[in-house]
Amino acid sequence: QVLLVDSGGGLVQAGNSLRLSCAASGRTLSTYSMGWFRQAPGKEREFAAAINRISAITRYADSVKGRFTISRDNAKNTVYLQMNILKPEDTGVYYCAARSGNTRLEVSEYDYWGQGTQVTVSS
């Protein structure tokens, strides 16, 4: 079983950047595809970005494409989400997640979840 701890959220003005981190323990992350999801108050959790086991494939929601970059360092057992040109609509709790197999966009397809880190973007 994988334990995920995500961090790096905060309060930022629109147009600025944040870098989220997700540190894993229990098992090596190299055997898992990883994803980042976000959830605004009163809304369902939604897909933001995903990366496969060897960083050969990345996938992004249309809403973040061109602004967010997902990456991983398997040697450090850590996954990152670089968020640039942040917008108020990016506000929400961001969760990292892990699954066996290839990248997927559905919340239900992921097996392990971090506790979430709050990102708030002001105008």
Protein backbone atom coordinates (compact mmCIF):
# COMPACT_ATOMS: atom_id res chain seq x y z
CA GLN A 1 0.00 0.00 0.00
CA VAL A 2 1.17 3.51 -0.86
CA LEU A 3 1.02 6.43 1.53
CA LEU A 4 0.90 9.79 -0.23
CA VAL A 5 1.54 13.14 1.42
CA ASP A 6 0.91 16.20 -0.72
CA SER A 7 2.06 19.70 0.11
CA GLY A 8 2.94 23.08 -1.34
CA GLY A 9 -0.43 24.77 -1.52
CA GLY A 10 -1.09 28.30 -0.39
CA LEU A 11 -2.60 31.66 -1.17
CA VAL A 12 -1.40 33.31 -4.35
CA GLN A 13 -2.49 36.15 -6.59
CA ALA A 14 -3.73 35.44 -10.08
CA GLY A 15 -0.90 35.13 -12.56
CA ASN A 16 1.57 33.76 -10.05
CA SER A 17 2.84 30.22 -9.57
CA LEU A 18 2.87 27.39 -7.08
CA ARG A 19 4.65 24.06 -7.04
CA LEU A 20 2.94 21.14 -5.35
CA SER A 21 4.78 18.07 -4.16
CA CYS A 22 3.60 14.56 -3.40
CA ALA A 23 5.91 12.35 -1.38
CA ALA A 24 5.25 8.63 -1.30
CA SER A 25 6.16 5.92 1.15
CA GLY A 26 5.34 2.27 1.59
CA ARG A 27 6.17 1.29 -1.98
CA THR A 28 8.24 2.72 -4.77
CA LEU A 29 6.29 5.06 -7.04
CA SER A 30 7.98 3.67 -10.11
CA THR A 31 5.30 0.99 -10.42
CA TYR A 32 2.40 3.47 -10.40
CA SER A 33 0.91 6.03 -12.69
CA MET A 34 0.26 9.26 -10.83
CA GLY A 35 -2.37 11.92 -11.05
CA TRP A 36 -3.32 15.28 -9.63
CA PHE A 37 -6.97 16.09 -8.99
CA ARG A 38 -8.66 19.13 -7.57
CA GLN A 39 -11.92 19.86 -5.83
CA ALA A 40 -13.57 23.22 -5.35
CA PRO A 41 -16.09 23.71 -2.52
CA GLY A 42 -19.43 22.20 -3.46
CA LYS A 43 -18.05 20.57 -6.59
CA GLU A 44 -16.93 17.08 -7.50
CA ARG A 45 -13.29 16.17 -7.62
CA GLU A 46 -11.94 16.64 -11.13
CA PHE A 47 -8.92 15.52 -13.08
CA ALA A 48 -6.07 17.95 -13.57
CA ALA A 49 -2.98 16.04 -14.71
CA ALA A 50 -1.48 12.57 -14.90
CA ILE A 51 1.87 10.99 -15.65
CA ASN A 52 2.82 7.42 -16.40
CA ARG A 53 5.41 5.33 -14.63
CA ILE A 54 8.46 6.43 -16.58
CA SER A 55 7.39 9.99 -17.47
CA ALA A 56 6.94 9.04 -21.11
CA ILE A 57 3.30 10.13 -21.15
CA THR A 58 1.57 13.10 -19.56
CA ARG A 59 -2.08 14.07 -19.74
CA TYR A 60 -3.80 17.30 -18.80
CA ALA A 61 -7.29 18.62 -18.44
CA ASP A 62 -8.10 21.25 -21.03
CA SER A 63 -8.57 23.79 -18.26
CA VAL A 64 -4.92 23.55 -17.16
CA LYS A 65 -3.15 22.60 -20.38
CA GLY A 66 -0.30 24.94 -21.16
CA ARG A 67 -0.15 26.26 -17.60
CA PHE A 68 0.42 23.17 -15.43
CA THR A 69 3.22 20.65 -15.69
CA ILE A 70 3.28 17.30 -13.94
CA SER A 71 6.60 15.60 -13.35
CA ARG A 72 8.07 12.87 -11.24
CA ASP A 73 11.38 11.90 -9.73
CA ASN A 74 11.23 8.19 -9.06
CA ALA A 75 14.60 8.24 -7.32
CA LYS A 76 13.11 10.64 -4.76
CA ASN A 77 9.74 8.89 -4.77
CA THR A 78 8.09 12.24 -5.41
CA VAL A 79 5.64 13.70 -7.91
CA TYR A 80 5.26 17.41 -8.63
CA LEU A 81 2.72 19.75 -10.12
CA GLN A 82 4.10 23.04 -11.34
CA MET A 83 1.22 25.49 -11.66
CA ASN A 84 1.85 28.68 -13.60
CA ILE A 85 -0.37 31.60 -14.56
CA LEU A 86 -2.80 30.64 -11.85
CA LYS A 87 -6.39 31.78 -12.17
CA PRO A 88 -9.10 32.20 -9.52
CA GLU A 89 -10.91 29.21 -11.01
CA ASP A 90 -7.90 27.06 -10.09
CA THR A 91 -8.85 27.46 -6.44
CA GLY A 92 -9.53 24.21 -4.63
CA VAL A 93 -8.06 21.35 -2.68
CA TYR A 94 -5.47 19.52 -4.74
CA TYR A 95 -4.92 15.80 -4.26
CA CYS A 96 -2.24 13.54 -5.61
CA ALA A 97 -3.24 10.00 -6.43
CA ALA A 98 -1.66 6.73 -7.53
CA ARG A 99 -2.88 3.77 -9.52
CA SER A 100 -1.48 0.58 -10.93
CA GLY A 101 -1.38 0.47 -14.69
CA ASN A 102 -1.62 3.25 -17.21
CA THR A 103 -2.81 6.82 -16.75
CA ARG A 104 -6.52 7.41 -16.29
CA LEU A 105 -8.64 10.51 -15.88
CA GLU A 106 -11.34 9.09 -13.61
CA VAL A 107 -11.26 9.55 -9.85
CA SER A 108 -12.66 6.06 -9.40
CA GLU A 109 -9.69 4.48 -11.18
CA TYR A 110 -7.13 5.60 -8.62
CA ASP A 111 -6.21 3.44 -5.66
CA TYR A 112 -4.34 5.75 -3.28
CA TRP A 113 -4.83 9.39 -2.36
CA GLY A 114 -3.01 12.11 -0.53
CA GLN A 115 -4.71 14.17 2.16
CA GLY A 116 -5.02 17.23 -0.06
CA THR A 117 -3.43 20.66 -0.05
CA GLN A 118 -5.37 23.90 -0.37
CA VAL A 119 -4.68 26.23 -3.28
CA THR A 120 -6.36 29.62 -3.21
CA VAL A 121 -5.95 32.07 -6.07
CA SER A 122 -7.12 35.62 -5.51
CA SER A 123 -7.97 38.24 -8.10
